[in-house]
Amino acid sequence: MIQQLVEQGYAVVDAALPADLAQALIGTARQQIELRAHAAGIGRQTAHAVDATVRQDSICWLEPSDKTSAEFLAFMEQLRLQLNEQLYLGLFSYESHFVRYAPGAFYRKHRDSFRGARNRLVSTVYYLNPHWQPADAGELVIYRDDDTVVDKVSPLHNRLVIFLSEEFPHEVLPATRERYSIAGWFRQA
């Protein structure tokens, strides 16, 4: 994974987590979203707004007090340490939230961090969708700056996508069924 990140700026890893944790995360995501989800917004602080023409997902932040969420966060902490050790990125923290897209929902092309901002350096998307079929659609499309498609990634269960936050505009295409994931960012600040 780290070699792919160095060579192409992103990596796609199947069977990323132990099967029992991957299965437990499905139930935790659904439960937490039912209890605490809200419409996702765009922008930060005073510029934060909900805009359904850009983004139509619901989110809730992972709670470290939840056992299953804590196991996922521990896995990501080990990944943070590996990234720092092998790539000298100076990553200090990881933030993440559960995501639910209803059928037909999308997230238009965007970047997770503005170039040079150096707040979010590495983005992650972990998928929680058992039995996903090509006809279900809902791919993550990763672009180059010139709008060339780099990759179209299906949201298959237990798949982890990791990419450089400032380098790749990306979007989430509409799906024909409900879709779950955990979106996260390794941060320098």
N, C-alpha and C. Protein backbone atom coordinates (compact mmCIF):
# COMPACT_ATOMS: atom_id res chain seq x y z
N MET A 1 0.82 -1.19 0.00
CA MET A 1 0.00 0.00 0.00
C MET A 1 0.87 1.26 0.00
N ILE A 2 1.87 1.28 0.86
CA ILE A 2 2.71 2.47 0.95
C ILE A 2 3.50 2.67 -0.34
N GLN A 3 3.95 1.58 -0.94
CA GLN A 3 4.66 1.68 -2.22
C GLN A 3 3.75 2.27 -3.30
N GLN A 4 2.49 1.84 -3.35
CA GLN A 4 1.54 2.40 -4.31
C GLN A 4 1.31 3.89 -4.04
N LEU A 5 1.23 4.26 -2.78
CA LEU A 5 1.03 5.66 -2.41
C LEU A 5 2.21 6.51 -2.90
N VAL A 6 3.41 5.99 -2.76
CA VAL A 6 4.61 6.70 -3.22
C VAL A 6 4.62 6.80 -4.75
N GLU A 7 4.34 5.69 -5.43
CA GLU A 7 4.46 5.64 -6.88
C GLU A 7 3.35 6.36 -7.63
N GLN A 8 2.10 6.25 -7.13
CA GLN A 8 0.99 6.84 -7.88
C GLN A 8 0.15 7.82 -7.09
N GLY A 9 0.44 7.99 -5.80
CA GLY A 9 -0.29 8.96 -4.99
C GLY A 9 -1.56 8.41 -4.36
N TYR A 10 -1.90 7.16 -4.68
CA TYR A 10 -3.08 6.54 -4.08
C TYR A 10 -2.90 5.02 -4.09
N ALA A 11 -3.70 4.35 -3.28
CA ALA A 11 -3.67 2.89 -3.23
C ALA A 11 -5.08 2.38 -2.95
N VAL A 12 -5.38 1.20 -3.46
CA VAL A 12 -6.64 0.51 -3.20
C VAL A 12 -6.28 -0.84 -2.61
N VAL A 13 -6.77 -1.12 -1.39
CA VAL A 13 -6.41 -2.34 -0.67
C VAL A 13 -7.67 -3.12 -0.36
N ASP A 14 -7.78 -4.33 -0.88
CA ASP A 14 -8.90 -5.21 -0.57
C ASP A 14 -8.56 -6.05 0.66
N ALA A 15 -9.59 -6.51 1.36
CA ALA A 15 -9.42 -7.28 2.61
C ALA A 15 -8.49 -6.52 3.55
N ALA A 16 -8.77 -5.24 3.71
CA ALA A 16 -7.89 -4.35 4.48
C ALA A 16 -7.88 -4.64 5.97
N LEU A 17 -9.02 -5.02 6.53
CA LEU A 17 -9.14 -5.27 7.97
C LEU A 17 -9.44 -6.74 8.23
N PRO A 18 -9.18 -7.22 9.44
CA PRO A 18 -9.61 -8.58 9.78
C PRO A 18 -11.12 -8.72 9.56
N ALA A 19 -11.54 -9.88 9.10
CA ALA A 19 -12.94 -10.10 8.72
C ALA A 19 -13.92 -9.82 9.86
N ASP A 20 -13.58 -10.19 11.09
CA ASP A 20 -14.50 -9.96 12.21
C ASP A 20 -14.69 -8.47 12.48
N LEU A 21 -13.63 -7.68 12.39
CA LEU A 21 -13.75 -6.23 12.58
C LEU A 21 -14.53 -5.61 11.42
N ALA A 22 -14.25 -6.04 10.20
CA ALA A 22 -14.96 -5.53 9.03
C ALA A 22 -16.46 -5.77 9.17
N GLN A 23 -16.85 -6.95 9.64
CA GLN A 23 -18.26 -7.28 9.83
C GLN A 23 -18.88 -6.45 10.95
N ALA A 24 -18.17 -6.31 12.06
CA ALA A 24 -18.70 -5.54 13.20
C ALA A 24 -18.90 -4.08 12.83
N LEU A 25 -18.05 -3.54 11.98
CA LEU A 25 -18.16 -2.13 11.60
C LEU A 25 -19.45 -1.84 10.84
N ILE A 26 -19.96 -2.82 10.10
CA ILE A 26 -21.23 -2.62 9.38
C ILE A 26 -22.35 -2.29 10.36
N GLY A 27 -22.50 -3.12 11.38
CA GLY A 27 -23.55 -2.89 12.37
C GLY A 27 -23.35 -1.60 13.14
N THR A 28 -22.12 -1.31 13.51
CA THR A 28 -21.82 -0.08 14.24
C THR A 28 -22.15 1.14 13.39
N ALA A 29 -21.77 1.11 12.12
CA ALA A 29 -22.05 2.24 11.24
C ALA A 29 -23.55 2.49 11.13
N ARG A 30 -24.31 1.44 10.88
CA ARG A 30 -25.76 1.59 10.74
C ARG A 30 -26.39 2.10 12.03
N GLN A 31 -25.97 1.56 13.16
CA GLN A 31 -26.52 1.97 14.45
C GLN A 31 -26.17 3.42 14.74
N GLN A 32 -24.91 3.79 14.58
CA GLN A 32 -24.49 5.15 14.89
C GLN A 32 -25.13 6.18 13.96
N ILE A 33 -25.25 5.82 12.70
CA ILE A 33 -25.89 6.75 11.75
C ILE A 33 -27.37 6.93 12.10
N GLU A 34 -28.06 5.85 12.46
CA GLU A 34 -29.47 5.97 12.86
C GLU A 34 -29.63 6.89 14.07
N LEU A 35 -28.70 6.79 15.02
CA LEU A 35 -28.81 7.57 16.26
C LEU A 35 -28.34 9.01 16.12
N ARG A 36 -27.27 9.24 15.33
CA ARG A 36 -26.61 10.54 15.41
C ARG A 36 -26.34 11.25 14.09
N ALA A 37 -26.73 10.69 12.98
CA ALA A 37 -26.35 11.28 11.69
C ALA A 37 -27.04 12.61 11.42
N HIS A 38 -26.34 13.42 10.65
CA HIS A 38 -26.90 14.68 10.17
C HIS A 38 -26.39 14.91 8.75
N ALA A 39 -27.06 15.80 8.04
CA ALA A 39 -26.65 16.09 6.67
C ALA A 39 -25.24 16.66 6.67
N ALA A 40 -24.41 16.15 5.78
CA ALA A 40 -23.03 16.61 5.68
C ALA A 40 -23.00 17.98 5.02
N GLY A 41 -22.02 18.77 5.39
CA GLY A 41 -21.88 20.11 4.82
C GLY A 41 -20.58 20.25 4.06
N ILE A 42 -20.38 21.44 3.55
CA ILE A 42 -19.14 21.78 2.86
C ILE A 42 -18.58 23.03 3.53
N GLY A 43 -17.28 23.23 3.43
CA GLY A 43 -16.64 24.39 4.03
C GLY A 43 -16.39 24.18 5.52
N ARG A 44 -15.68 25.13 6.12
CA ARG A 44 -15.33 25.05 7.54
C ARG A 44 -15.74 26.32 8.26
N GLN A 45 -15.98 26.16 9.53
CA GLN A 45 -16.29 27.25 10.46
C GLN A 45 -17.38 28.16 9.91
N THR A 46 -17.14 29.45 9.72
CA THR A 46 -18.19 30.36 9.28
C THR A 46 -18.62 30.11 7.84
N ALA A 47 -17.77 29.43 7.05
CA ALA A 47 -18.11 29.12 5.67
C ALA A 47 -18.85 27.79 5.54
N HIS A 48 -19.11 27.10 6.65
CA HIS A 48 -19.76 25.79 6.62
C HIS A 48 -21.24 25.95 6.22
N ALA A 49 -21.67 25.10 5.29
CA ALA A 49 -23.06 25.13 4.84
C ALA A 49 -23.47 23.76 4.32
N VAL A 50 -24.74 23.47 4.40
CA VAL A 50 -25.29 22.26 3.78
C VAL A 50 -25.77 22.67 2.39
N ASP A 51 -25.28 21.99 1.36
CA ASP A 51 -25.63 22.31 -0.02
C ASP A 51 -25.87 21.00 -0.77
N ALA A 52 -27.14 20.64 -0.92
CA ALA A 52 -27.51 19.37 -1.54
C ALA A 52 -27.21 19.33 -3.04
N THR A 53 -26.85 20.45 -3.65
CA THR A 53 -26.43 20.41 -5.05
C THR A 53 -24.99 19.93 -5.18
N VAL A 54 -24.26 19.93 -4.06
CA VAL A 54 -22.86 19.50 -4.05
C VAL A 54 -22.69 18.15 -3.37
N ARG A 55 -23.41 17.98 -2.25
CA ARG A 55 -23.18 16.81 -1.40
C ARG A 55 -24.49 16.37 -0.77
N GLN A 56 -24.76 15.03 -0.80
CA GLN A 56 -26.05 14.54 -0.31
C GLN A 56 -25.93 13.41 0.70
N ASP A 57 -24.81 13.29 1.35
CA ASP A 57 -24.62 12.19 2.30
C ASP A 57 -24.96 12.64 3.72
N SER A 58 -25.12 11.65 4.61
CA SER A 58 -25.31 11.88 6.04
C SER A 58 -24.09 11.32 6.76
N ILE A 59 -23.68 12.01 7.82
CA ILE A 59 -22.47 11.60 8.53
C ILE A 59 -22.66 11.63 10.04
N CYS A 60 -21.80 10.90 10.75
CA CYS A 60 -21.62 11.06 12.19
C CYS A 60 -20.19 10.65 12.51
N TRP A 61 -19.54 11.42 13.34
CA TRP A 61 -18.14 11.20 13.69
C TRP A 61 -18.00 9.95 14.52
N LEU A 62 -16.91 9.22 14.32
CA LEU A 62 -16.64 8.02 15.12
C LEU A 62 -16.41 8.41 16.57
N GLU A 63 -16.95 7.61 17.47
CA GLU A 63 -16.79 7.81 18.91
C GLU A 63 -15.77 6.79 19.43
N PRO A 64 -14.62 7.25 19.94
CA PRO A 64 -13.62 6.32 20.45
C PRO A 64 -14.12 5.48 21.63
N SER A 65 -15.19 5.92 22.28
CA SER A 65 -15.74 5.16 23.41
C SER A 65 -16.46 3.89 22.94
N ASP A 66 -16.84 3.82 21.67
CA ASP A 66 -17.45 2.61 21.11
C ASP A 66 -16.35 1.60 20.80
N LYS A 67 -16.50 0.36 21.27
CA LYS A 67 -15.46 -0.66 21.14
C LYS A 67 -15.06 -0.92 19.68
N THR A 68 -16.03 -1.08 18.81
CA THR A 68 -15.71 -1.38 17.41
C THR A 68 -15.04 -0.18 16.73
N SER A 69 -15.55 1.01 17.00
CA SER A 69 -14.92 2.22 16.45
C SER A 69 -13.50 2.35 16.96
N ALA A 70 -13.29 2.06 18.24
CA ALA A 70 -11.96 2.13 18.83
C ALA A 70 -10.99 1.17 18.15
N GLU A 71 -11.47 -0.03 17.79
CA GLU A 71 -10.61 -1.00 17.09
C GLU A 71 -10.23 -0.47 15.71
N PHE A 72 -11.18 0.14 15.01
CA PHE A 72 -10.87 0.73 13.71
C PHE A 72 -9.86 1.85 13.88
N LEU A 73 -10.08 2.72 14.86
CA LEU A 73 -9.17 3.84 15.09
C LEU A 73 -7.77 3.36 15.48
N ALA A 74 -7.68 2.25 16.20
CA ALA A 74 -6.38 1.67 16.56
C ALA A 74 -5.66 1.18 15.29
N PHE A 75 -6.41 0.56 14.37
CA PHE A 75 -5.83 0.13 13.10
C PHE A 75 -5.29 1.34 12.34
N MET A 76 -6.06 2.41 12.30
CA MET A 76 -5.63 3.61 11.57
C MET A 76 -4.45 4.28 12.27
N GLU A 77 -4.36 4.17 13.58
CA GLU A 77 -3.20 4.70 14.30
C GLU A 77 -1.94 3.95 13.89
N GLN A 78 -2.04 2.64 13.73
CA GLN A 78 -0.89 1.86 13.27
C GLN A 78 -0.50 2.27 11.85
N LEU A 79 -1.49 2.54 11.01
CA LEU A 79 -1.21 3.00 9.66
C LEU A 79 -0.53 4.37 9.70
N ARG A 80 -0.99 5.26 10.57
CA ARG A 80 -0.37 6.59 10.73
C ARG A 80 1.10 6.45 11.09
N LEU A 81 1.40 5.58 12.03
CA LEU A 81 2.79 5.37 12.45
C LEU A 81 3.63 4.82 11.29
N GLN A 82 3.08 3.89 10.51
CA GLN A 82 3.80 3.35 9.36
C GLN A 82 4.07 4.43 8.31
N LEU A 83 3.06 5.26 8.03
CA LEU A 83 3.23 6.34 7.06
C LEU A 83 4.33 7.30 7.52
N ASN A 84 4.32 7.64 8.80
CA ASN A 84 5.35 8.54 9.33
C ASN A 84 6.73 7.90 9.26
N GLU A 85 6.81 6.63 9.63
CA GLU A 85 8.09 5.94 9.65
C GLU A 85 8.68 5.79 8.26
N GLN A 86 7.84 5.44 7.30
CA GLN A 86 8.36 5.15 5.97
C GLN A 86 8.39 6.35 5.03
N LEU A 87 7.50 7.33 5.26
CA LEU A 87 7.41 8.46 4.33
C LEU A 87 7.73 9.81 4.99
N TYR A 88 7.97 9.81 6.29
CA TYR A 88 8.33 11.04 7.00
C TYR A 88 7.31 12.16 6.79
N LEU A 89 6.03 11.84 6.93
CA LEU A 89 4.96 12.80 6.65
C LEU A 89 4.64 13.72 7.83
N GLY A 90 5.03 13.36 9.03
CA GLY A 90 4.73 14.20 10.19
C GLY A 90 3.24 14.27 10.50
N LEU A 91 2.55 13.14 10.33
CA LEU A 91 1.11 13.09 10.61
C LEU A 91 0.90 13.01 12.12
N PHE A 92 0.04 13.89 12.64
CA PHE A 92 -0.18 13.94 14.08
C PHE A 92 -1.48 13.29 14.54
N SER A 93 -2.49 13.28 13.67
CA SER A 93 -3.79 12.78 14.13
C SER A 93 -4.58 12.22 12.95
N TYR A 94 -5.69 11.59 13.31
CA TYR A 94 -6.61 11.02 12.32
C TYR A 94 -8.02 11.36 12.77
N GLU A 95 -8.83 11.86 11.86
CA GLU A 95 -10.24 12.11 12.13
C GLU A 95 -11.07 11.35 11.13
N SER A 96 -12.26 10.89 11.54
CA SER A 96 -13.07 10.10 10.61
C SER A 96 -14.54 10.11 11.01
N HIS A 97 -15.37 9.88 10.02
CA HIS A 97 -16.80 9.77 10.29
C HIS A 97 -17.42 8.66 9.45
N PHE A 98 -18.52 8.10 10.00
CA PHE A 98 -19.33 7.16 9.24
C PHE A 98 -20.11 7.97 8.20
N VAL A 99 -20.35 7.36 7.05
CA VAL A 99 -21.04 8.03 5.95
C VAL A 99 -22.13 7.11 5.41
N ARG A 100 -23.29 7.70 5.16
CA ARG A 100 -24.36 6.95 4.47
C ARG A 100 -24.83 7.78 3.28
N TYR A 101 -24.84 7.13 2.13
CA TYR A 101 -25.42 7.71 0.92
C TYR A 101 -26.70 6.95 0.63
N ALA A 102 -27.82 7.64 0.55
CA ALA A 102 -29.08 7.03 0.13
C ALA A 102 -28.98 6.72 -1.37
N PRO A 103 -29.85 5.85 -1.88
CA PRO A 103 -29.84 5.61 -3.33
C PRO A 103 -29.98 6.94 -4.09
N GLY A 104 -29.13 7.13 -5.08
CA GLY A 104 -29.16 8.35 -5.89
C GLY A 104 -28.33 9.49 -5.34
N ALA A 105 -27.85 9.40 -4.10
CA ALA A 105 -27.06 10.49 -3.49
C ALA A 105 -25.65 10.50 -4.06
N PHE A 106 -25.02 11.67 -4.01
CA PHE A 106 -23.70 11.87 -4.62
C PHE A 106 -22.91 12.90 -3.82
N TYR A 107 -21.65 13.06 -4.21
CA TYR A 107 -20.78 14.13 -3.71
C TYR A 107 -19.97 14.58 -4.92
N ARG A 108 -20.24 15.79 -5.40
CA ARG A 108 -19.58 16.33 -6.59
C ARG A 108 -18.06 16.40 -6.41
N LYS A 109 -17.38 16.58 -7.52
CA LYS A 109 -15.92 16.62 -7.52
C LYS A 109 -15.40 17.71 -6.58
N HIS A 110 -14.42 17.32 -5.76
CA HIS A 110 -13.85 18.22 -4.75
C HIS A 110 -12.47 17.71 -4.35
N ARG A 111 -11.78 18.50 -3.57
CA ARG A 111 -10.53 18.10 -2.93
C ARG A 111 -10.76 18.10 -1.44
N ASP A 112 -10.06 17.22 -0.73
CA ASP A 112 -10.20 17.17 0.73
C ASP A 112 -9.37 18.23 1.43
N SER A 113 -8.44 18.83 0.71
CA SER A 113 -7.60 19.88 1.29
C SER A 113 -7.11 20.77 0.16
N PHE A 114 -7.06 22.06 0.42
CA PHE A 114 -6.52 22.99 -0.57
C PHE A 114 -5.01 22.81 -0.66
N ARG A 115 -4.46 22.95 -1.84
CA ARG A 115 -3.01 22.82 -2.02
C ARG A 115 -2.29 23.80 -1.09
N GLY A 116 -1.29 23.25 -0.39
CA GLY A 116 -0.50 24.07 0.51
C GLY A 116 -1.08 24.25 1.90
N ALA A 117 -2.34 23.87 2.10
CA ALA A 117 -2.96 24.04 3.42
C ALA A 117 -2.31 23.12 4.45
N ARG A 118 -1.91 21.93 4.00
CA ARG A 118 -1.20 20.96 4.82
C ARG A 118 -1.93 20.60 6.11
N ASN A 119 -3.25 20.71 6.12
CA ASN A 119 -4.00 20.25 7.30
C ASN A 119 -4.38 18.78 7.12
N ARG A 120 -5.06 18.45 6.06
CA ARG A 120 -5.36 17.06 5.72
C ARG A 120 -4.36 16.64 4.65
N LEU A 121 -3.51 15.67 5.00
CA LEU A 121 -2.47 15.26 4.04
C LEU A 121 -2.82 13.97 3.31
N VAL A 122 -3.41 13.01 4.03
CA VAL A 122 -3.73 11.72 3.44
C VAL A 122 -5.19 11.40 3.75
N SER A 123 -5.97 11.15 2.72
CA SER A 123 -7.39 10.81 2.86
C SER A 123 -7.57 9.30 2.80
N THR A 124 -8.58 8.81 3.51
CA THR A 124 -8.92 7.39 3.47
C THR A 124 -10.42 7.23 3.29
N VAL A 125 -10.80 6.19 2.59
CA VAL A 125 -12.20 5.78 2.50
C VAL A 125 -12.21 4.27 2.71
N TYR A 126 -12.98 3.83 3.70
CA TYR A 126 -13.11 2.41 3.99
C TYR A 126 -14.56 2.02 3.75
N TYR A 127 -14.80 0.99 2.92
CA TYR A 127 -16.16 0.65 2.51
C TYR A 127 -16.77 -0.48 3.34
N LEU A 128 -18.09 -0.34 3.57
CA LEU A 128 -18.87 -1.25 4.42
C LEU A 128 -20.09 -1.78 3.67
N ASN A 129 -19.89 -2.31 2.48
CA ASN A 129 -21.00 -2.69 1.61
C ASN A 129 -20.89 -4.14 1.13
N PRO A 130 -21.41 -5.09 1.93
CA PRO A 130 -21.33 -6.50 1.51
C PRO A 130 -22.15 -6.75 0.24
N HIS A 131 -21.68 -7.67 -0.55
CA HIS A 131 -22.39 -8.13 -1.74
C HIS A 131 -22.63 -7.03 -2.77
N TRP A 132 -21.73 -6.06 -2.84
CA TRP A 132 -21.86 -4.98 -3.81
C TRP A 132 -21.63 -5.52 -5.22
N GLN A 133 -22.49 -5.13 -6.16
CA GLN A 133 -22.41 -5.59 -7.54
C GLN A 133 -22.10 -4.40 -8.46
N PRO A 134 -21.49 -4.64 -9.61
CA PRO A 134 -21.20 -3.54 -10.54
C PRO A 134 -22.44 -2.71 -10.89
N ALA A 135 -23.59 -3.34 -11.01
CA ALA A 135 -24.82 -2.60 -11.34
C ALA A 135 -25.26 -1.66 -10.22
N ASP A 136 -24.73 -1.85 -9.00
CA ASP A 136 -25.07 -0.96 -7.89
C ASP A 136 -24.44 0.41 -8.04
N ALA A 137 -23.39 0.52 -8.87
CA ALA A 137 -22.70 1.79 -9.19
C ALA A 137 -22.08 2.40 -7.92
N GLY A 138 -22.15 3.73 -7.76
CA GLY A 138 -21.65 4.40 -6.57
C GLY A 138 -20.14 4.45 -6.43
N GLU A 139 -19.42 4.49 -7.54
CA GLU A 139 -17.97 4.48 -7.50
C GLU A 139 -17.38 5.79 -6.98
N LEU A 140 -16.17 5.68 -6.45
CA LEU A 140 -15.33 6.83 -6.15
C LEU A 140 -14.49 7.06 -7.40
N VAL A 141 -14.59 8.25 -7.97
CA VAL A 141 -13.81 8.58 -9.16
C VAL A 141 -12.68 9.51 -8.73
N ILE A 142 -11.46 9.10 -9.04
CA ILE A 142 -10.27 9.88 -8.70
C ILE A 142 -9.75 10.51 -9.99
N TYR A 143 -9.50 11.83 -9.95
CA TYR A 143 -9.08 12.59 -11.12
C TYR A 143 -7.67 13.15 -10.96
N ARG A 144 -7.08 13.50 -12.10
CA ARG A 144 -5.90 14.37 -12.13
C ARG A 144 -6.42 15.81 -12.24
N ASP A 145 -5.52 16.76 -12.10
CA ASP A 145 -5.92 18.16 -12.20
C ASP A 145 -6.52 18.52 -13.55
N ASP A 146 -6.12 17.80 -14.61
CA ASP A 146 -6.64 18.10 -15.95
C ASP A 146 -7.96 17.38 -16.24
N ASP A 147 -8.62 16.86 -15.20
CA ASP A 147 -9.89 16.15 -15.29
C ASP A 147 -9.79 14.75 -15.89
N THR A 148 -8.59 14.26 -16.13
CA THR A 148 -8.41 12.89 -16.57
C THR A 148 -8.76 11.95 -15.42
N VAL A 149 -9.53 10.91 -15.71
CA VAL A 149 -9.88 9.93 -14.68
C VAL A 149 -8.66 9.04 -14.43
N VAL A 150 -8.23 9.01 -13.17
CA VAL A 150 -7.11 8.17 -12.75
C VAL A 150 -7.61 6.76 -12.43
N ASP A 151 -8.75 6.69 -11.71
CA ASP A 151 -9.30 5.39 -11.32
C ASP A 151 -10.77 5.58 -10.95
N LYS A 152 -11.52 4.51 -11.11
CA LYS A 152 -12.93 4.43 -10.71
C LYS A 152 -13.02 3.24 -9.78
N VAL A 153 -13.25 3.50 -8.48
CA VAL A 153 -13.15 2.47 -7.45
C VAL A 153 -14.54 2.10 -6.96
N SER A 154 -14.91 0.84 -7.10
CA SER A 154 -16.19 0.35 -6.58
C SER A 154 -16.14 0.26 -5.07
N PRO A 155 -17.25 0.57 -4.38
CA PRO A 155 -17.27 0.57 -2.91
C PRO A 155 -17.49 -0.82 -2.31
N LEU A 156 -16.57 -1.73 -2.60
CA LEU A 156 -16.69 -3.11 -2.14
C LEU A 156 -16.37 -3.22 -0.65
N HIS A 157 -17.08 -4.10 0.01
CA HIS A 157 -16.89 -4.32 1.45
C HIS A 157 -15.44 -4.67 1.78
N ASN A 158 -14.93 -4.04 2.84
CA ASN A 158 -13.58 -4.26 3.37
C ASN A 158 -12.49 -3.79 2.42
N ARG A 159 -12.81 -2.81 1.59
CA ARG A 159 -11.84 -2.17 0.70
C ARG A 159 -11.45 -0.83 1.31
N LEU A 160 -10.15 -0.55 1.32
CA LEU A 160 -9.62 0.72 1.80
C LEU A 160 -8.97 1.44 0.64
N VAL A 161 -9.35 2.71 0.47
CA VAL A 161 -8.72 3.58 -0.52
C VAL A 161 -7.97 4.65 0.26
N ILE A 162 -6.74 4.90 -0.11
CA ILE A 162 -5.93 5.91 0.55
C ILE A 162 -5.29 6.77 -0.54
N PHE A 163 -5.32 8.11 -0.37
CA PHE A 163 -4.73 8.98 -1.40
C PHE A 163 -4.28 10.30 -0.79
N LEU A 164 -3.41 10.98 -1.50
CA LEU A 164 -2.89 12.27 -1.05
C LEU A 164 -3.98 13.33 -1.19
N SER A 165 -4.35 13.93 -0.09
CA SER A 165 -5.52 14.81 -0.02
C SER A 165 -5.43 16.03 -0.93
N GLU A 166 -4.26 16.61 -1.04
CA GLU A 166 -4.11 17.84 -1.83
C GLU A 166 -3.95 17.57 -3.32
N GLU A 167 -3.66 16.31 -3.67
CA GLU A 167 -3.29 16.00 -5.05
C GLU A 167 -4.44 15.55 -5.94
N PHE A 168 -5.49 14.98 -5.36
CA PHE A 168 -6.49 14.33 -6.20
C PHE A 168 -7.90 14.87 -5.98
N PRO A 169 -8.43 15.60 -6.97
CA PRO A 169 -9.87 15.87 -6.94
C PRO A 169 -10.59 14.52 -7.09
N HIS A 170 -11.73 14.39 -6.47
CA HIS A 170 -12.47 13.12 -6.54
C HIS A 170 -13.95 13.38 -6.34
N GLU A 171 -14.77 12.41 -6.70
CA GLU A 171 -16.21 12.53 -6.50
C GLU A 171 -16.80 11.16 -6.20
N VAL A 172 -17.99 11.17 -5.64
CA VAL A 172 -18.73 9.94 -5.35
C VAL A 172 -19.95 9.94 -6.26
N LEU A 173 -20.04 8.93 -7.11
CA LEU A 173 -21.16 8.83 -8.05
C LEU A 173 -22.40 8.25 -7.36
N PRO A 174 -23.59 8.56 -7.88
CA PRO A 174 -24.82 7.98 -7.32
C PRO A 174 -24.82 6.46 -7.43
N ALA A 175 -25.43 5.83 -6.45
CA ALA A 175 -25.59 4.37 -6.45
C ALA A 175 -27.07 4.03 -6.53
N THR A 176 -27.37 2.79 -6.84
CA THR A 176 -28.76 2.34 -6.93
C THR A 176 -29.27 1.81 -5.60
N ARG A 177 -28.38 1.67 -4.61
CA ARG A 177 -28.79 1.21 -3.28
C ARG A 177 -28.03 1.99 -2.21
N GLU A 178 -28.44 1.84 -0.99
CA GLU A 178 -27.78 2.54 0.12
C GLU A 178 -26.32 2.09 0.22
N ARG A 179 -25.45 3.05 0.55
CA ARG A 179 -24.02 2.77 0.57
C ARG A 179 -23.41 3.36 1.84
N TYR A 180 -22.54 2.58 2.51
CA TYR A 180 -21.90 2.99 3.76
C TYR A 180 -20.38 2.99 3.62
N SER A 181 -19.75 3.91 4.36
CA SER A 181 -18.29 3.95 4.37
C SER A 181 -17.83 4.69 5.63
N ILE A 182 -16.52 4.70 5.81
CA ILE A 182 -15.88 5.55 6.82
C ILE A 182 -14.90 6.41 6.04
N ALA A 183 -15.11 7.72 6.08
CA ALA A 183 -14.18 8.67 5.45
C ALA A 183 -13.28 9.22 6.54
N GLY A 184 -12.00 9.36 6.23
CA GLY A 184 -11.08 9.86 7.24
C GLY A 184 -9.90 10.59 6.62
N TRP A 185 -9.18 11.30 7.51
CA TRP A 185 -8.05 12.12 7.07
C TRP A 185 -6.96 12.08 8.12
N PHE A 186 -5.75 11.78 7.65
CA PHE A 186 -4.57 11.94 8.49
C PHE A 186 -4.16 13.40 8.38
N ARG A 187 -3.95 14.01 9.55
CA ARG A 187 -3.71 15.45 9.61
C ARG A 187 -2.31 15.77 10.12
N GLN A 188 -1.81 16.90 9.66
CA GLN A 188 -0.55 17.40 10.17
C GLN A 188 -0.81 18.42 11.27
N ALA A 189 -1.94 19.04 11.22
CA ALA A 189 -2.29 20.04 12.24
C ALA A 189 -3.67 19.77 12.78
